[in-house]
Amino acid sequence: MAEENTEEEGGKKGGKMMIIIIAAVVVLLGGGGGAYFFLFAGGDEVAVEEEVDESNSQPQVSSEAIYVAMPRPFQFNAPGISRERLVQIEVQLMVRGTANEDKARRHIPMLEGNLLTVFSASSADDLVTEAGKKELREKATSQIRQVMNELESDPVVEQVLFTGFVLQ
């Protein structure tokens, strides 16, 4: 008799444990399904509406950013109050779309000449600070956009990026 009671209690405990496990699995699956619904289900409709709005407003050049690397780094001497410093800057141009990439590549010699003019006009004392580097990058971007606007009737270059900057 004692053995029969033990088996019945073990069966009841096992059945209760199974119910708890099944309930936990159902709750986890429900939570996962709810998370999927909120995170991924509504996104497609919004994206389609945005595409329609963009296509109706104006013809859009590919928004894919493409980076055009200058073939060699710029090296120049920058005068300073205390001493002259040697500067080396590696540059890449950020453009949007392959058509703009081709335009930028076609005019690399002109762009190199203009960038060197902008860079060599800078002071070593300014280039030591982050603000000076940022100002130089903005001047370079402005100059390149102006030159490309004259050559191609389109600014083409969105940003001039310094990928390497050495100041000795």
Protein backbone atom coordinates (compact mmCIF):
# COMPACT_ATOMS: atom_id res chain seq x y z
CA MET A 1 0.00 0.00 0.00
CA ALA A 2 2.79 2.40 0.86
CA GLU A 3 4.36 1.77 -2.51
CA GLU A 4 1.08 2.56 -4.30
CA ASN A 5 0.73 5.93 -2.48
CA THR A 6 4.27 6.88 -3.43
CA GLU A 7 3.62 6.12 -7.09
CA GLU A 8 0.38 8.16 -7.10
CA GLU A 9 2.12 11.15 -5.44
CA GLY A 10 5.00 10.89 -7.93
CA GLY A 11 2.52 10.84 -10.80
CA LYS A 12 0.70 13.90 -9.43
CA LYS A 13 3.96 15.81 -8.93
CA GLY A 14 5.15 14.88 -12.42
CA GLY A 15 1.82 15.98 -13.92
CA LYS A 16 1.93 19.32 -12.10
CA MET A 17 5.51 19.87 -13.21
CA MET A 18 4.55 19.10 -16.83
CA ILE A 19 1.69 21.64 -16.67
CA ILE A 20 4.06 24.31 -15.31
CA ILE A 21 6.59 23.64 -18.08
CA ILE A 22 3.90 23.77 -20.79
CA ALA A 23 2.51 27.03 -19.35
CA ALA A 24 6.01 28.56 -19.30
CA VAL A 25 6.61 27.55 -22.93
CA VAL A 26 3.25 29.03 -23.99
CA VAL A 27 4.02 32.32 -22.20
CA LEU A 28 7.49 32.54 -23.80
CA LEU A 29 6.15 31.78 -27.27
CA GLY A 30 3.38 34.34 -26.81
CA GLY A 31 5.92 36.97 -25.74
CA GLY A 32 8.16 36.18 -28.69
CA GLY A 33 5.25 36.37 -31.12
CA GLY A 34 4.13 39.69 -29.64
CA ALA A 35 7.66 41.10 -29.91
CA TYR A 36 7.89 39.98 -33.54
CA PHE A 37 4.53 41.57 -34.31
CA PHE A 38 5.48 44.92 -32.79
CA LEU A 39 9.02 45.03 -34.19
CA PHE A 40 8.66 43.59 -37.68
CA ALA A 41 5.05 43.32 -38.82
CA GLY A 42 4.16 47.00 -39.38
CA GLY A 43 7.49 48.06 -40.96
CA ASP A 44 6.77 46.91 -44.51
CA GLU A 45 3.73 49.11 -45.02
CA VAL A 46 5.57 52.23 -43.82
CA ALA A 47 8.54 51.52 -46.08
CA VAL A 48 6.29 51.17 -49.12
CA GLU A 49 4.58 54.47 -48.35
CA GLU A 50 7.94 56.22 -47.95
CA GLU A 51 9.19 54.85 -51.28
CA VAL A 52 6.08 56.11 -53.04
CA ASP A 53 6.45 59.58 -51.49
CA GLU A 54 10.13 59.83 -52.47
CA SER A 55 9.56 58.67 -56.03
CA ASN A 56 6.80 61.23 -56.60
CA SER A 57 8.70 64.25 -55.25
CA GLN A 58 11.79 64.26 -57.50
CA PRO A 59 14.07 61.91 -59.37
CA GLN A 60 16.47 60.52 -56.82
CA VAL A 61 20.13 59.75 -57.37
CA SER A 62 21.18 56.61 -55.57
CA SER A 63 21.52 57.41 -51.89
CA GLU A 64 24.30 54.88 -51.53
CA ALA A 65 27.42 56.57 -50.19
CA ILE A 66 30.51 55.84 -52.26
CA TYR A 67 33.99 56.84 -51.17
CA VAL A 68 36.51 57.99 -53.76
CA ALA A 69 40.04 57.76 -52.42
CA MET A 70 42.66 60.23 -53.52
CA PRO A 71 45.49 58.24 -55.11
CA ARG A 72 48.20 59.48 -52.72
CA PRO A 73 48.35 61.29 -49.38
CA PHE A 74 48.91 65.05 -49.29
CA GLN A 75 52.24 66.07 -47.75
CA PHE A 76 53.09 69.67 -47.01
CA ASN A 77 54.90 71.93 -44.59
CA ALA A 78 52.68 73.98 -42.31
CA PRO A 79 54.26 77.08 -40.73
CA GLY A 80 53.66 77.71 -37.04
CA ILE A 81 54.60 80.28 -34.44
CA SER A 82 57.14 78.10 -32.65
CA ARG A 83 58.20 75.90 -35.57
CA GLU A 84 57.26 74.54 -38.96
CA ARG A 85 55.65 71.09 -39.06
CA LEU A 86 55.35 68.39 -41.69
CA VAL A 87 51.74 67.32 -42.29
CA GLN A 88 50.43 64.25 -44.11
CA ILE A 89 46.70 63.91 -44.80
CA GLU A 90 44.96 60.99 -46.51
CA VAL A 91 41.67 62.04 -48.09
CA GLN A 92 38.54 60.35 -49.38
CA LEU A 93 35.60 62.07 -51.02
CA MET A 94 32.08 60.95 -50.15
CA VAL A 95 29.69 61.04 -53.12
CA ARG A 96 26.22 59.63 -53.71
CA GLY A 97 25.71 57.24 -56.62
CA THR A 98 27.95 55.80 -59.30
CA ALA A 99 27.37 58.71 -61.70
CA ASN A 100 28.83 61.12 -59.14
CA GLU A 101 31.66 58.69 -58.45
CA ASP A 102 32.61 58.76 -62.15
CA LYS A 103 32.47 62.57 -62.21
CA ALA A 104 34.72 62.83 -59.15
CA ARG A 105 37.23 60.30 -60.52
CA ARG A 106 37.39 62.14 -63.85
CA HIS A 107 38.54 65.35 -62.10
CA ILE A 108 40.95 63.94 -59.50
CA PRO A 109 43.98 65.96 -60.73
CA MET A 110 42.03 69.22 -60.44
CA LEU A 111 40.68 68.22 -57.03
CA GLU A 112 44.16 67.30 -55.77
CA GLY A 113 45.51 70.68 -56.82
CA ASN A 114 42.72 72.55 -55.07
CA LEU A 115 43.00 70.45 -51.91
CA LEU A 116 46.75 71.02 -51.75
CA THR A 117 46.18 74.78 -52.05
CA VAL A 118 43.66 74.71 -49.19
CA PHE A 119 45.85 72.48 -47.03
CA SER A 120 49.08 74.40 -47.53
CA ALA A 121 47.38 77.68 -46.51
CA SER A 122 46.74 76.28 -43.02
CA SER A 123 48.81 76.95 -39.92
CA ALA A 124 50.44 74.19 -37.88
CA ASP A 125 49.14 75.83 -34.70
CA ASP A 126 45.56 75.46 -35.97
CA LEU A 127 46.04 71.85 -37.08
CA VAL A 128 47.06 70.77 -33.58
CA THR A 129 43.51 71.33 -32.30
CA GLU A 130 40.40 69.36 -33.19
CA ALA A 131 38.60 72.60 -34.07
CA GLY A 132 41.38 73.48 -36.51
CA LYS A 133 41.12 70.09 -38.21
CA LYS A 134 37.35 70.44 -38.46
CA GLU A 135 37.67 73.93 -39.95
CA LEU A 136 40.22 72.66 -42.50
CA ARG A 137 37.87 69.79 -43.47
CA GLU A 138 34.98 72.25 -43.92
CA LYS A 139 37.14 74.60 -46.04
CA ALA A 140 38.25 71.66 -48.19
CA THR A 141 34.66 70.47 -48.65
CA SER A 142 33.51 73.96 -49.59
CA GLN A 143 36.34 74.43 -52.10
CA ILE A 144 35.85 71.01 -53.72
CA ARG A 145 32.09 71.52 -54.03
CA GLN A 146 32.71 74.92 -55.66
CA VAL A 147 35.21 73.47 -58.14
CA MET A 148 32.94 70.54 -59.02
CA ASN A 149 30.02 72.93 -59.47
CA GLU A 150 32.10 74.91 -61.99
CA LEU A 151 33.28 71.77 -63.82
CA GLU A 152 30.11 69.64 -63.80
CA SER A 153 27.32 72.12 -62.89
CA ASP A 154 26.73 69.92 -59.86
CA PRO A 155 28.56 69.94 -56.50
CA VAL A 156 28.92 66.10 -56.71
CA VAL A 157 31.04 65.75 -53.53
CA GLU A 158 29.05 65.61 -50.32
CA GLN A 159 31.94 65.57 -47.88
CA VAL A 160 35.73 65.55 -47.72
CA LEU A 161 36.90 62.98 -45.17
CA PHE A 162 40.33 62.74 -43.55
CA THR A 163 41.16 59.03 -43.28
CA GLY A 164 44.69 59.66 -42.10
CA PHE A 165 46.18 62.71 -40.39
CA VAL A 166 49.82 62.87 -39.28
CA LEU A 167 51.38 66.02 -37.85
CA GLN A 168 55.13 65.94 -37.05
